[in-house]
C-alpha atoms as a PDB file:
ATOM      1  CA  MET A   1    -141.742 -24.880 -35.009  1.00  0.00           C
ATOM      2  CA  TYR A   2    -141.154 -21.264 -35.952  1.00  0.00           C
ATOM      3  CA  GLN A   3    -144.017 -18.876 -36.386  1.00  0.00           C
ATOM      4  CA  PHE A   4    -143.573 -15.477 -37.913  1.00  0.00           C
ATOM      5  CA  SER A   5    -146.107 -12.757 -38.201  1.00  0.00           C
ATOM      6  CA  TYR A   6    -146.703 -11.234 -41.600  1.00  0.00           C
ATOM      7  CA  ALA A   7    -145.402  -7.897 -40.265  1.00  0.00           C
ATOM      8  CA  ASP A   8    -142.115  -9.529 -39.201  1.00  0.00           C
ATOM      9  CA  VAL A   9    -141.605 -11.137 -42.605  1.00  0.00           C
ATOM     10  CA  GLN A  10    -142.527  -7.920 -44.396  1.00  0.00           C
ATOM     11  CA  THR A  11    -140.105  -5.914 -42.226  1.00  0.00           C
ATOM     12  CA  ASP A  12    -137.307  -8.396 -42.964  1.00  0.00           C
ATOM     13  CA  SER A  13    -138.072  -8.229 -46.673  1.00  0.00           C
ATOM     14  CA  MET A  14    -137.973  -4.430 -46.651  1.00  0.00           C
ATOM     15  CA  ALA A  15    -134.704  -4.473 -44.720  1.00  0.00           C
ATOM     16  CA  ASP A  16    -133.250  -6.932 -47.236  1.00  0.00           C
ATOM     17  CA  ALA A  17    -134.418  -4.788 -50.159  1.00  0.00           C
ATOM     18  CA  LYS A  18    -132.884  -1.668 -48.644  1.00  0.00           C
ATOM     19  CA  GLU A  19    -129.615  -3.487 -48.059  1.00  0.00           C
ATOM     20  CA  ARG A  20    -129.570  -4.633 -51.709  1.00  0.00           C
ATOM     21  CA  GLU A  21    -130.204  -1.047 -52.812  1.00  0.00           C
ATOM     22  CA  ARG A  22    -127.308   0.157 -50.639  1.00  0.00           C
ATOM     23  CA  GLN A  23    -125.043  -2.540 -52.070  1.00  0.00           C
ATOM     24  CA  LEU A  24    -125.959  -1.673 -55.660  1.00  0.00           C
ATOM     25  CA  LEU A  25    -125.358   2.033 -55.059  1.00  0.00           C
ATOM     26  CA  THR A  26    -122.042   1.257 -53.343  1.00  0.00           C
ATOM     27  CA  ARG A  27    -120.987  -0.840 -56.339  1.00  0.00           C
ATOM     28  CA  SER A  28    -122.015   1.965 -58.692  1.00  0.00           C
ATOM     29  CA  ILE A  29    -120.053   4.495 -56.635  1.00  0.00           C
ATOM     30  CA  ASP A  30    -116.955   2.278 -56.597  1.00  0.00           C
ATOM     31  CA  LEU A  31    -117.148   1.852 -60.379  1.00  0.00           C
ATOM     32  CA  LEU A  32    -117.620   5.602 -60.880  1.00  0.00           C
ATOM     33  CA  ILE A  33    -114.586   6.381 -58.707  1.00  0.00           C
ATOM     34  CA  THR A  34    -112.480   3.964 -60.767  1.00  0.00           C
ATOM     35  CA  ALA A  35    -113.857   5.505 -63.977  1.00  0.00           C
ATOM     36  CA  ALA A  36    -113.106   9.049 -62.813  1.00  0.00           C
ATOM     37  CA  ASN A  37    -109.494   8.044 -62.222  1.00  0.00           C
ATOM     38  CA  ALA A  38    -109.213   6.218 -65.553  1.00  0.00           C
ATOM     39  CA  GLY A  39    -110.859   8.956 -67.618  1.00  0.00           C
ATOM     40  CA  ARG A  40    -114.057   9.513 -69.544  1.00  0.00           C
ATOM     41  CA  ASP A  41    -112.915   7.532 -72.586  1.00  0.00           C
ATOM     42  CA  SER A  42    -111.776   4.451 -70.656  1.00  0.00           C
ATOM     43  CA  MET A  43    -113.381   1.019 -70.561  1.00  0.00           C
ATOM     44  CA  GLN A  44    -113.859   1.579 -66.821  1.00  0.00           C
ATOM     45  CA  ALA A  45    -116.014   4.595 -67.656  1.00  0.00           C
ATOM     46  CA  VAL A  46    -118.111   2.543 -70.079  1.00  0.00           C
ATOM     47  CA  ASP A  47    -118.643  -0.137 -67.422  1.00  0.00           C
ATOM     48  CA  ALA A  48    -119.415   2.370 -64.661  1.00  0.00           C
ATOM     49  CA  LEU A  49    -121.876   4.378 -66.746  1.00  0.00           C
ATOM     50  CA  HIS A  50    -123.639   1.266 -67.983  1.00  0.00           C
ATOM     51  CA  PHE A  51    -123.959  -0.166 -64.461  1.00  0.00           C
ATOM     52  CA  THR A  52    -125.114   3.155 -63.007  1.00  0.00           C
ATOM     53  CA  ASN A  53    -127.654   3.509 -65.792  1.00  0.00           C
ATOM     54  CA  ARG A  54    -129.070   0.028 -65.117  1.00  0.00           C
ATOM     55  CA  VAL A  55    -129.276   0.648 -61.359  1.00  0.00           C
ATOM     56  CA  TRP A  56    -131.081   3.954 -61.732  1.00  0.00           C
ATOM     57  CA  THR A  57    -133.399   2.707 -64.467  1.00  0.00           C
ATOM     58  CA  THR A  58    -134.492  -0.081 -62.128  1.00  0.00           C
ATOM     59  CA  LEU A  59    -134.850   2.295 -59.178  1.00  0.00           C
ATOM     60  CA  LEU A  60    -136.923   4.691 -61.278  1.00  0.00           C
ATOM     61  CA  GLU A  61    -139.234   1.880 -62.353  1.00  0.00           C
ATOM     62  CA  ASP A  62    -139.756   0.954 -58.714  1.00  0.00           C
ATOM     63  CA  LEU A  63    -140.234   4.563 -57.622  1.00  0.00           C
ATOM     64  CA  SER A  64    -142.865   5.147 -60.301  1.00  0.00           C
ATOM     65  CA  SER A  65    -144.853   2.071 -59.275  1.00  0.00           C
ATOM     66  CA  SER A  66    -148.098   2.671 -57.397  1.00  0.00           C
ATOM     67  CA  ASP A  67    -147.055  -0.208 -55.117  1.00  0.00           C
ATOM     68  CA  ASN A  68    -144.061   1.771 -53.823  1.00  0.00           C
ATOM     69  CA  ALA A  69    -144.654   2.570 -50.144  1.00  0.00           C
ATOM     70  CA  LEU A  70    -142.547   5.736 -49.986  1.00  0.00           C
ATOM     71  CA  PRO A  71    -144.399   9.037 -49.559  1.00  0.00           C
ATOM     72  CA  LYS A  72    -145.349  10.619 -52.898  1.00  0.00           C
ATOM     73  CA  GLU A  73    -143.223  13.734 -52.387  1.00  0.00           C
ATOM     74  CA  LEU A  74    -140.117  11.699 -51.561  1.00  0.00           C
ATOM     75  CA  ARG A  75    -140.726   9.451 -54.569  1.00  0.00           C
ATOM     76  CA  ALA A  76    -141.086  12.495 -56.819  1.00  0.00           C
ATOM     77  CA  ASN A  77    -137.835  13.982 -55.497  1.00  0.00           C
ATOM     78  CA  LEU A  78    -135.971  10.706 -55.978  1.00  0.00           C
ATOM     79  CA  ILE A  79    -137.375  10.373 -59.498  1.00  0.00           C
ATOM     80  CA  SER A  80    -136.078  13.871 -60.311  1.00  0.00           C
ATOM     81  CA  ILE A  81    -132.661  12.984 -58.927  1.00  0.00           C
ATOM     82  CA  GLY A  82    -132.640   9.690 -60.821  1.00  0.00           C
ATOM     83  CA  MET A  83    -133.516  11.414 -64.074  1.00  0.00           C
ATOM     84  CA  TRP A  84    -130.676  13.895 -63.523  1.00  0.00           C
ATOM     85  CA  LEU A  85    -128.295  10.993 -62.906  1.00  0.00           C
ATOM     86  CA  LEU A  86    -129.395   9.295 -66.133  1.00  0.00           C
ATOM     87  CA  ARG A  87    -128.989  12.540 -68.117  1.00  0.00           C
ATOM     88  CA  GLU A  88    -125.563  13.096 -66.591  1.00  0.00           C
ATOM     89  CA  THR A  89    -124.403   9.560 -67.403  1.00  0.00           C
ATOM     90  CA  GLU A  90    -125.531  10.099 -71.001  1.00  0.00           C
ATOM     91  CA  ASP A  91    -123.721  13.460 -71.161  1.00  0.00           C
ATOM     92  CA  ILE A  92    -120.517  11.797 -69.975  1.00  0.00           C
ATOM     93  CA  ARG A  93    -120.989   8.928 -72.413  1.00  0.00           C
ATOM     94  CA  GLN A  94    -121.501  11.405 -75.271  1.00  0.00           C
ATOM     95  CA  GLY A  95    -118.391  13.396 -74.290  1.00  0.00           C
ATOM     96  CA  ARG A  96    -120.345  16.494 -73.260  1.00  0.00           C
ATOM     97  CA  SER A  97    -119.339  16.215 -69.595  1.00  0.00           C
ATOM     98  CA  ASP A  98    -116.880  14.550 -67.270  1.00  0.00           C
ATOM     99  CA  ASN A  99    -118.861  15.132 -64.079  1.00  0.00           C
ATOM    100  CA  PHE A 100    -118.101  11.832 -62.392  1.00  0.00           C
ATOM    101  CA  ASP A 101    -117.714  13.687 -59.096  1.00  0.00           C
ATOM    102  CA  GLY A 102    -121.317  14.898 -59.246  1.00  0.00           C
ATOM    103  CA  LEU A 103    -122.593  11.391 -59.936  1.00  0.00           C
ATOM    104  CA  ILE A 104    -120.497  10.002 -57.104  1.00  0.00           C
ATOM    105  CA  GLU A 105    -121.566  12.658 -54.593  1.00  0.00           C
ATOM    106  CA  VAL A 106    -125.281  12.413 -55.354  1.00  0.00           C
ATOM    107  CA  SER A 107    -125.159   8.606 -55.317  1.00  0.00           C
ATOM    108  CA  GLN A 108    -123.404   8.656 -51.945  1.00  0.00           C
ATOM    109  CA  ILE A 109    -126.041  10.984 -50.510  1.00  0.00           C
ATOM    110  CA  ILE A 110    -128.859   8.735 -51.742  1.00  0.00           C
ATOM    111  CA  ARG A 111    -127.124   5.574 -50.531  1.00  0.00           C
ATOM    112  CA  ASP A 112    -126.427   7.056 -47.111  1.00  0.00           C
ATOM    113  CA  GLY A 113    -130.056   8.171 -46.814  1.00  0.00           C
ATOM    114  CA  ILE A 114    -131.450   4.643 -47.245  1.00  0.00           C
ATOM    115  CA  GLN A 115    -132.507   3.488 -43.790  1.00  0.00           C
END
């Protein structure tokens, strides 16, 4: 019979959650790269911006939760970055920007920082 300590299960769960976050950010990045190549007014852009918006809205909800275990300062910084990403996706959607490269670069930095 297998016996696991609570700490082992919790560590596995956190590792799984981080891997899911990395996968979601990678998917968002891939969609944004495709959208950048297709153009701001393309269906690919609509899909990429919608997906990125959903990912970051969910991440922001988690970051703002009192149950989030990240240090407060890091959470605050990530919330600021997430809000910028949401504003930038809206600016692209509204035709005020075409800064896909900025969204891609920032998303890659965040994804690569998840450990």
